[in-house]
């Protein structure tokens, strides 16, 4: 019942902001996650430590999908931000992301180099990360697993692209194993998504 409440609130916010509403599609195999798609539905989902985590926002100034590359250093962060995870008695905001240490992705055309890529998250050069927004922000890094980029397709105007893929990784932190699995994302991105504040 809690998930329905949050989905209703998210849809209401989207309508009130006057943005184009993209209908949420649940996975037919597991309706706790969004369906895997490659059409720019601005959704992401996974299981984080056994609880479903969902990002579903109508695109507004790139707030939920961020690509950050430092001009002076190698490496790029890709952050799937502002997702909600409903636990037994409360919900929390969680970000899931990836650090790609040997890549600089500064614009849409750079993303096209990832088309069809299978990126090994080795926990050193490339890794998964989870950011829990509790009373304080807890960041878990150095996740080991894989990131698959299924589709990178720039539109006819060359000003936006569909960016979709799947992922899964494990993070061992202070003797505890944190697991992120059945991950999927499908975003419609433009150059406003390339920034360094997260």
C-alpha atoms as a PDB file:
ATOM      1  CA  UNK A   1       0.000   0.000   0.000  1.00  0.00           C
ATOM      2  CA  UNK A   2       2.924   2.333   0.750  1.00  0.00           C
ATOM      3  CA  UNK A   3       4.249   2.065  -2.821  1.00  0.00           C
ATOM      4  CA  UNK A   4       0.854   3.019  -4.235  1.00  0.00           C
ATOM      5  CA  UNK A   5       0.838   6.073  -1.997  1.00  0.00           C
ATOM      6  CA  UNK A   6       4.279   7.181  -3.261  1.00  0.00           C
ATOM      7  CA  UNK A   7       3.402   6.504  -6.890  1.00  0.00           C
ATOM      8  CA  UNK A   8       0.231   8.588  -6.480  1.00  0.00           C
ATOM      9  CA  UNK A   9       2.218  11.439  -4.925  1.00  0.00           C
ATOM     10  CA  UNK A  10       4.844  11.306  -7.695  1.00  0.00           C
ATOM     11  CA  UNK A  11       2.184  11.379 -10.411  1.00  0.00           C
ATOM     12  CA  UNK A  12       0.458  14.303  -8.689  1.00  0.00           C
ATOM     13  CA  UNK A  13       3.691  16.289  -8.484  1.00  0.00           C
ATOM     14  CA  UNK A  14       4.331  15.658 -12.173  1.00  0.00           C
ATOM     15  CA  UNK A  15       0.881  16.899 -13.150  1.00  0.00           C
ATOM     16  CA  UNK A  16       1.134  19.976 -10.930  1.00  0.00           C
ATOM     17  CA  UNK A  17       4.477  20.997 -12.390  1.00  0.00           C
ATOM     18  CA  UNK A  18       2.956  20.997 -15.863  1.00  0.00           C
ATOM     19  CA  UNK A  19       5.531  18.599 -17.260  1.00  0.00           C
ATOM     20  CA  UNK A  20       4.699  15.864 -19.722  1.00  0.00           C
ATOM     21  CA  UNK A  21       3.586  12.825 -17.751  1.00  0.00           C
ATOM     22  CA  UNK A  22       5.121   9.537 -18.835  1.00  0.00           C
ATOM     23  CA  UNK A  23       2.995   6.668 -17.610  1.00  0.00           C
ATOM     24  CA  UNK A  24       4.700   4.326 -15.163  1.00  0.00           C
ATOM     25  CA  UNK A  25       4.914   0.732 -16.371  1.00  0.00           C
ATOM     26  CA  UNK A  26       5.528  -1.958 -13.787  1.00  0.00           C
ATOM     27  CA  UNK A  27       7.450  -5.059 -14.742  1.00  0.00           C
ATOM     28  CA  UNK A  28       5.083  -7.941 -15.501  1.00  0.00           C
ATOM     29  CA  UNK A  29       7.569 -10.299 -13.823  1.00  0.00           C
ATOM     30  CA  UNK A  30       7.813  -8.224 -10.652  1.00  0.00           C
ATOM     31  CA  UNK A  31       5.528  -5.174 -10.320  1.00  0.00           C
ATOM     32  CA  UNK A  32       7.669  -3.742  -7.513  1.00  0.00           C
ATOM     33  CA  UNK A  33      10.124  -2.562 -10.192  1.00  0.00           C
ATOM     34  CA  UNK A  34       9.622  -0.570 -13.389  1.00  0.00           C
ATOM     35  CA  UNK A  35       9.518  -2.567 -16.600  1.00  0.00           C
ATOM     36  CA  UNK A  36      12.809  -2.824 -18.462  1.00  0.00           C
ATOM     37  CA  UNK A  37      12.509  -0.540 -21.467  1.00  0.00           C
ATOM     38  CA  UNK A  38      14.649   1.492 -23.852  1.00  0.00           C
ATOM     39  CA  UNK A  39      12.349   4.344 -24.793  1.00  0.00           C
ATOM     40  CA  UNK A  40      13.356   7.163 -22.442  1.00  0.00           C
ATOM     41  CA  UNK A  41      10.738   6.547 -19.750  1.00  0.00           C
ATOM     42  CA  UNK A  42      12.775   8.337 -17.025  1.00  0.00           C
ATOM     43  CA  UNK A  43      12.577   5.415 -14.645  1.00  0.00           C
ATOM     44  CA  UNK A  44      15.045   3.273 -12.745  1.00  0.00           C
ATOM     45  CA  UNK A  45      14.702   0.482 -10.253  1.00  0.00           C
ATOM     46  CA  UNK A  46      16.556  -2.271  -8.435  1.00  0.00           C
ATOM     47  CA  UNK A  47      16.589  -4.194  -5.211  1.00  0.00           C
ATOM     48  CA  UNK A  48      18.881  -2.656  -2.635  1.00  0.00           C
ATOM     49  CA  UNK A  49      19.495  -5.008   0.283  1.00  0.00           C
ATOM     50  CA  UNK A  50      16.313  -6.898  -0.624  1.00  0.00           C
ATOM     51  CA  UNK A  51      13.965  -3.882  -0.746  1.00  0.00           C
ATOM     52  CA  UNK A  52      12.704  -2.373  -3.981  1.00  0.00           C
ATOM     53  CA  UNK A  53      14.151   0.996  -4.956  1.00  0.00           C
ATOM     54  CA  UNK A  54      12.404   3.093  -7.610  1.00  0.00           C
ATOM     55  CA  UNK A  55      13.174   6.358  -9.378  1.00  0.00           C
ATOM     56  CA  UNK A  56      10.239   7.678 -11.382  1.00  0.00           C
ATOM     57  CA  UNK A  57      10.190  11.379 -12.068  1.00  0.00           C
ATOM     58  CA  UNK A  58       9.190  13.445 -15.019  1.00  0.00           C
ATOM     59  CA  UNK A  59      12.390  15.074 -16.248  1.00  0.00           C
ATOM     60  CA  UNK A  60      12.925  18.444 -14.607  1.00  0.00           C
ATOM     61  CA  UNK A  61      16.309  20.102 -14.940  1.00  0.00           C
ATOM     62  CA  UNK A  62      18.183  16.803 -14.785  1.00  0.00           C
ATOM     63  CA  UNK A  63      17.475  16.237 -11.104  1.00  0.00           C
ATOM     64  CA  UNK A  64      17.246  12.453 -11.186  1.00  0.00           C
ATOM     65  CA  UNK A  65      19.973  11.463 -13.652  1.00  0.00           C
ATOM     66  CA  UNK A  66      23.411  13.052 -13.348  1.00  0.00           C
ATOM     67  CA  UNK A  67      26.662  12.607 -15.236  1.00  0.00           C
ATOM     68  CA  UNK A  68      29.637  14.321 -13.635  1.00  0.00           C
ATOM     69  CA  UNK A  69      33.149  14.510 -15.049  1.00  0.00           C
ATOM     70  CA  UNK A  70      35.835  16.649 -13.445  1.00  0.00           C
ATOM     71  CA  UNK A  71      37.612  18.649 -16.137  1.00  0.00           C
ATOM     72  CA  UNK A  72      40.993  18.124 -14.468  1.00  0.00           C
ATOM     73  CA  UNK A  73      40.775  14.420 -13.623  1.00  0.00           C
ATOM     74  CA  UNK A  74      39.928  11.194 -15.375  1.00  0.00           C
ATOM     75  CA  UNK A  75      36.727   9.422 -14.377  1.00  0.00           C
ATOM     76  CA  UNK A  76      32.990   9.979 -14.546  1.00  0.00           C
ATOM     77  CA  UNK A  77      30.168   9.567 -12.042  1.00  0.00           C
ATOM     78  CA  UNK A  78      26.753   8.426 -13.284  1.00  0.00           C
ATOM     79  CA  UNK A  79      24.144   8.908 -10.571  1.00  0.00           C
ATOM     80  CA  UNK A  80      20.551   7.646 -10.602  1.00  0.00           C
ATOM     81  CA  UNK A  81      19.333  10.062  -7.950  1.00  0.00           C
ATOM     82  CA  UNK A  82      16.321  10.653  -5.732  1.00  0.00           C
ATOM     83  CA  UNK A  83      14.950   7.123  -5.700  1.00  0.00           C
ATOM     84  CA  UNK A  84      12.655   5.936  -2.941  1.00  0.00           C
ATOM     85  CA  UNK A  85      12.948   2.751  -0.993  1.00  0.00           C
ATOM     86  CA  UNK A  86      10.025   1.645   1.157  1.00  0.00           C
ATOM     87  CA  UNK A  87      11.080  -0.304   4.232  1.00  0.00           C
ATOM     88  CA  UNK A  88       8.791  -1.975   6.790  1.00  0.00           C
ATOM     89  CA  UNK A  89       7.722   1.193   8.584  1.00  0.00           C
ATOM     90  CA  UNK A  90       9.197   4.129   6.660  1.00  0.00           C
ATOM     91  CA  UNK A  91      10.655   5.219   3.346  1.00  0.00           C
ATOM     92  CA  UNK A  92      14.000   6.750   2.537  1.00  0.00           C
ATOM     93  CA  UNK A  93      15.742   8.443  -0.366  1.00  0.00           C
ATOM     94  CA  UNK A  94      18.516   6.407  -1.959  1.00  0.00           C
ATOM     95  CA  UNK A  95      20.835   7.187  -4.884  1.00  0.00           C
ATOM     96  CA  UNK A  96      22.530   4.439  -6.878  1.00  0.00           C
ATOM     97  CA  UNK A  97      25.473   5.192  -9.111  1.00  0.00           C
ATOM     98  CA  UNK A  98      28.622   4.170 -10.870  1.00  0.00           C
ATOM     99  CA  UNK A  99      32.131   5.538 -11.009  1.00  0.00           C
ATOM    100  CA  UNK A 100      33.844   4.836 -14.328  1.00  0.00           C
ATOM    101  CA  UNK A 101      37.487   5.637 -13.609  1.00  0.00           C
ATOM    102  CA  UNK A 102      38.853   5.322 -17.110  1.00  0.00           C
ATOM    103  CA  UNK A 103      36.220   7.387 -18.952  1.00  0.00           C
ATOM    104  CA  UNK A 104      35.419  11.052 -19.449  1.00  0.00           C
ATOM    105  CA  UNK A 105      31.791  11.542 -20.445  1.00  0.00           C
ATOM    106  CA  UNK A 106      31.097  15.242 -20.861  1.00  0.00           C
ATOM    107  CA  UNK A 107      28.215  15.337 -23.363  1.00  0.00           C
ATOM    108  CA  UNK A 108      25.657  13.291 -25.277  1.00  0.00           C
ATOM    109  CA  UNK A 109      28.124  12.237 -27.953  1.00  0.00           C
ATOM    110  CA  UNK A 110      30.470  10.833 -25.306  1.00  0.00           C
ATOM    111  CA  UNK A 111      27.602   8.633 -24.078  1.00  0.00           C
ATOM    112  CA  UNK A 112      27.354   7.007 -27.512  1.00  0.00           C
ATOM    113  CA  UNK A 113      30.756   5.392 -26.907  1.00  0.00           C
ATOM    114  CA  UNK A 114      28.995   3.214 -24.312  1.00  0.00           C
ATOM    115  CA  UNK A 115      26.472   1.703 -26.768  1.00  0.00           C
ATOM    116  CA  UNK A 116      26.394  -2.053 -26.137  1.00  0.00           C
ATOM    117  CA  UNK A 117      29.111  -1.862 -23.449  1.00  0.00           C
ATOM    118  CA  UNK A 118      29.501  -4.471 -20.749  1.00  0.00           C
ATOM    119  CA  UNK A 119      31.419  -2.680 -18.006  1.00  0.00           C
ATOM    120  CA  UNK A 120      33.053  -4.798 -15.344  1.00  0.00           C
ATOM    121  CA  UNK A 121      32.689  -3.077 -11.963  1.00  0.00           C
ATOM    122  CA  UNK A 122      35.927  -4.280 -10.422  1.00  0.00           C
ATOM    123  CA  UNK A 123      35.689  -2.278  -7.203  1.00  0.00           C
ATOM    124  CA  UNK A 124      38.854  -0.336  -8.050  1.00  0.00           C
ATOM    125  CA  UNK A 125      38.808   1.507 -11.392  1.00  0.00           C
ATOM    126  CA  UNK A 126      35.065   1.108 -12.010  1.00  0.00           C
ATOM    127  CA  UNK A 127      32.631   0.547  -9.163  1.00  0.00           C
ATOM    128  CA  UNK A 128      29.055   0.779  -7.977  1.00  0.00           C
ATOM    129  CA  UNK A 129      27.943   3.064  -5.191  1.00  0.00           C
ATOM    130  CA  UNK A 130      24.869   3.488  -2.985  1.00  0.00           C
ATOM    131  CA  UNK A 131      24.055   6.717  -1.149  1.00  0.00           C
ATOM    132  CA  UNK A 132      21.523   6.469   1.700  1.00  0.00           C
ATOM    133  CA  UNK A 133      19.913   9.776   2.684  1.00  0.00           C
ATOM    134  CA  UNK A 134      19.228   9.190   6.362  1.00  0.00           C
ATOM    135  CA  UNK A 135      19.697  11.732   9.151  1.00  0.00           C
ATOM    136  CA  UNK A 136      23.181  11.918   7.683  1.00  0.00           C
ATOM    137  CA  UNK A 137      24.270  10.795   4.224  1.00  0.00           C
ATOM    138  CA  UNK A 138      25.891   7.360   4.178  1.00  0.00           C
ATOM    139  CA  UNK A 139      27.862   6.532   1.033  1.00  0.00           C
ATOM    140  CA  UNK A 140      28.915   2.980   0.252  1.00  0.00           C
ATOM    141  CA  UNK A 141      31.515   2.661  -2.522  1.00  0.00           C
ATOM    142  CA  UNK A 142      33.613   0.120  -4.369  1.00  0.00           C
ATOM    143  CA  UNK A 143      30.772  -2.170  -5.476  1.00  0.00           C
ATOM    144  CA  UNK A 144      31.784  -5.159  -7.593  1.00  0.00           C
ATOM    145  CA  UNK A 145      29.521  -6.407 -10.391  1.00  0.00           C
ATOM    146  CA  UNK A 146      28.478  -5.398 -13.914  1.00  0.00           C
ATOM    147  CA  UNK A 147      26.892  -2.508 -15.766  1.00  0.00           C
ATOM    148  CA  UNK A 148      25.395  -3.170 -19.213  1.00  0.00           C
ATOM    149  CA  UNK A 149      24.495  -0.275 -21.510  1.00  0.00           C
ATOM    150  CA  UNK A 150      21.722  -1.493 -23.795  1.00  0.00           C
ATOM    151  CA  UNK A 151      20.848   1.595 -25.783  1.00  0.00           C
ATOM    152  CA  UNK A 152      22.308   5.038 -26.458  1.00  0.00           C
ATOM    153  CA  UNK A 153      20.358   6.742 -29.215  1.00  0.00           C
ATOM    154  CA  UNK A 154      20.588  10.452 -29.992  1.00  0.00           C
ATOM    155  CA  UNK A 155      17.408  12.035 -31.397  1.00  0.00           C
ATOM    156  CA  UNK A 156      17.121  13.653 -34.834  1.00  0.00           C
ATOM    157  CA  UNK A 157      17.715  17.148 -33.400  1.00  0.00           C
ATOM    158  CA  UNK A 158      20.966  15.980 -31.783  1.00  0.00           C
ATOM    159  CA  UNK A 159      19.952  17.575 -28.464  1.00  0.00           C
ATOM    160  CA  UNK A 160      18.749  14.572 -26.420  1.00  0.00           C
ATOM    161  CA  UNK A 161      19.267  10.810 -26.189  1.00  0.00           C
ATOM    162  CA  UNK A 162      17.758   7.634 -24.812  1.00  0.00           C
ATOM    163  CA  UNK A 163      20.173   6.010 -22.353  1.00  0.00           C
ATOM    164  CA  UNK A 164      19.207   2.625 -20.909  1.00  0.00           C
ATOM    165  CA  UNK A 165      20.831  -0.371 -19.288  1.00  0.00           C
ATOM    166  CA  UNK A 166      20.924  -2.927 -16.496  1.00  0.00           C
ATOM    167  CA  UNK A 167      23.207  -3.440 -13.502  1.00  0.00           C
ATOM    168  CA  UNK A 168      23.976  -5.337 -10.336  1.00  0.00           C
ATOM    169  CA  UNK A 169      26.759  -5.202  -7.753  1.00  0.00           C
ATOM    170  CA  UNK A 170      27.782  -6.054  -4.196  1.00  0.00           C
ATOM    171  CA  UNK A 171      29.500  -3.799  -1.668  1.00  0.00           C
ATOM    172  CA  UNK A 172      31.267  -5.171   1.374  1.00  0.00           C
ATOM    173  CA  UNK A 173      31.304  -2.453   4.035  1.00  0.00           C
ATOM    174  CA  UNK A 174      32.490  -2.978   7.607  1.00  0.00           C
ATOM    175  CA  UNK A 175      31.986  -6.731   7.292  1.00  0.00           C
ATOM    176  CA  UNK A 176      28.423  -6.457   5.937  1.00  0.00           C
ATOM    177  CA  UNK A 177      27.503  -7.303   2.364  1.00  0.00           C
ATOM    178  CA  UNK A 178      25.139  -4.855   0.627  1.00  0.00           C
ATOM    179  CA  UNK A 179      23.576  -6.182  -2.571  1.00  0.00           C
ATOM    180  CA  UNK A 180      22.086  -4.267  -5.497  1.00  0.00           C
ATOM    181  CA  UNK A 181      20.444  -6.570  -8.041  1.00  0.00           C
ATOM    182  CA  UNK A 182      17.896  -6.680 -10.894  1.00  0.00           C
ATOM    183  CA  UNK A 183      18.852  -3.057 -11.621  1.00  0.00           C
ATOM    184  CA  UNK A 184      17.536  -1.282 -14.695  1.00  0.00           C
ATOM    185  CA  UNK A 185      17.385   2.307 -15.933  1.00  0.00           C
ATOM    186  CA  UNK A 186      15.864   4.079 -18.925  1.00  0.00           C
ATOM    187  CA  UNK A 187      16.326   7.844 -19.256  1.00  0.00           C
ATOM    188  CA  UNK A 188      15.741  10.590 -21.765  1.00  0.00           C
ATOM    189  CA  UNK A 189      18.812  12.788 -21.259  1.00  0.00           C
ATOM    190  CA  UNK A 190      20.091  16.082 -22.617  1.00  0.00           C
ATOM    191  CA  UNK A 191      23.006  18.357 -21.813  1.00  0.00           C
ATOM    192  CA  UNK A 192      21.353  19.575 -18.578  1.00  0.00           C
ATOM    193  CA  UNK A 193      22.085  16.122 -17.142  1.00  0.00           C
ATOM    194  CA  UNK A 194      25.843  16.740 -17.326  1.00  0.00           C
ATOM    195  CA  UNK A 195      26.736  18.558 -14.108  1.00  0.00           C
ATOM    196  CA  UNK A 196      28.733  18.069 -10.933  1.00  0.00           C
ATOM    197  CA  UNK A 197      26.395  18.781  -8.030  1.00  0.00           C
ATOM    198  CA  UNK A 198      25.099  15.673  -6.269  1.00  0.00           C
END
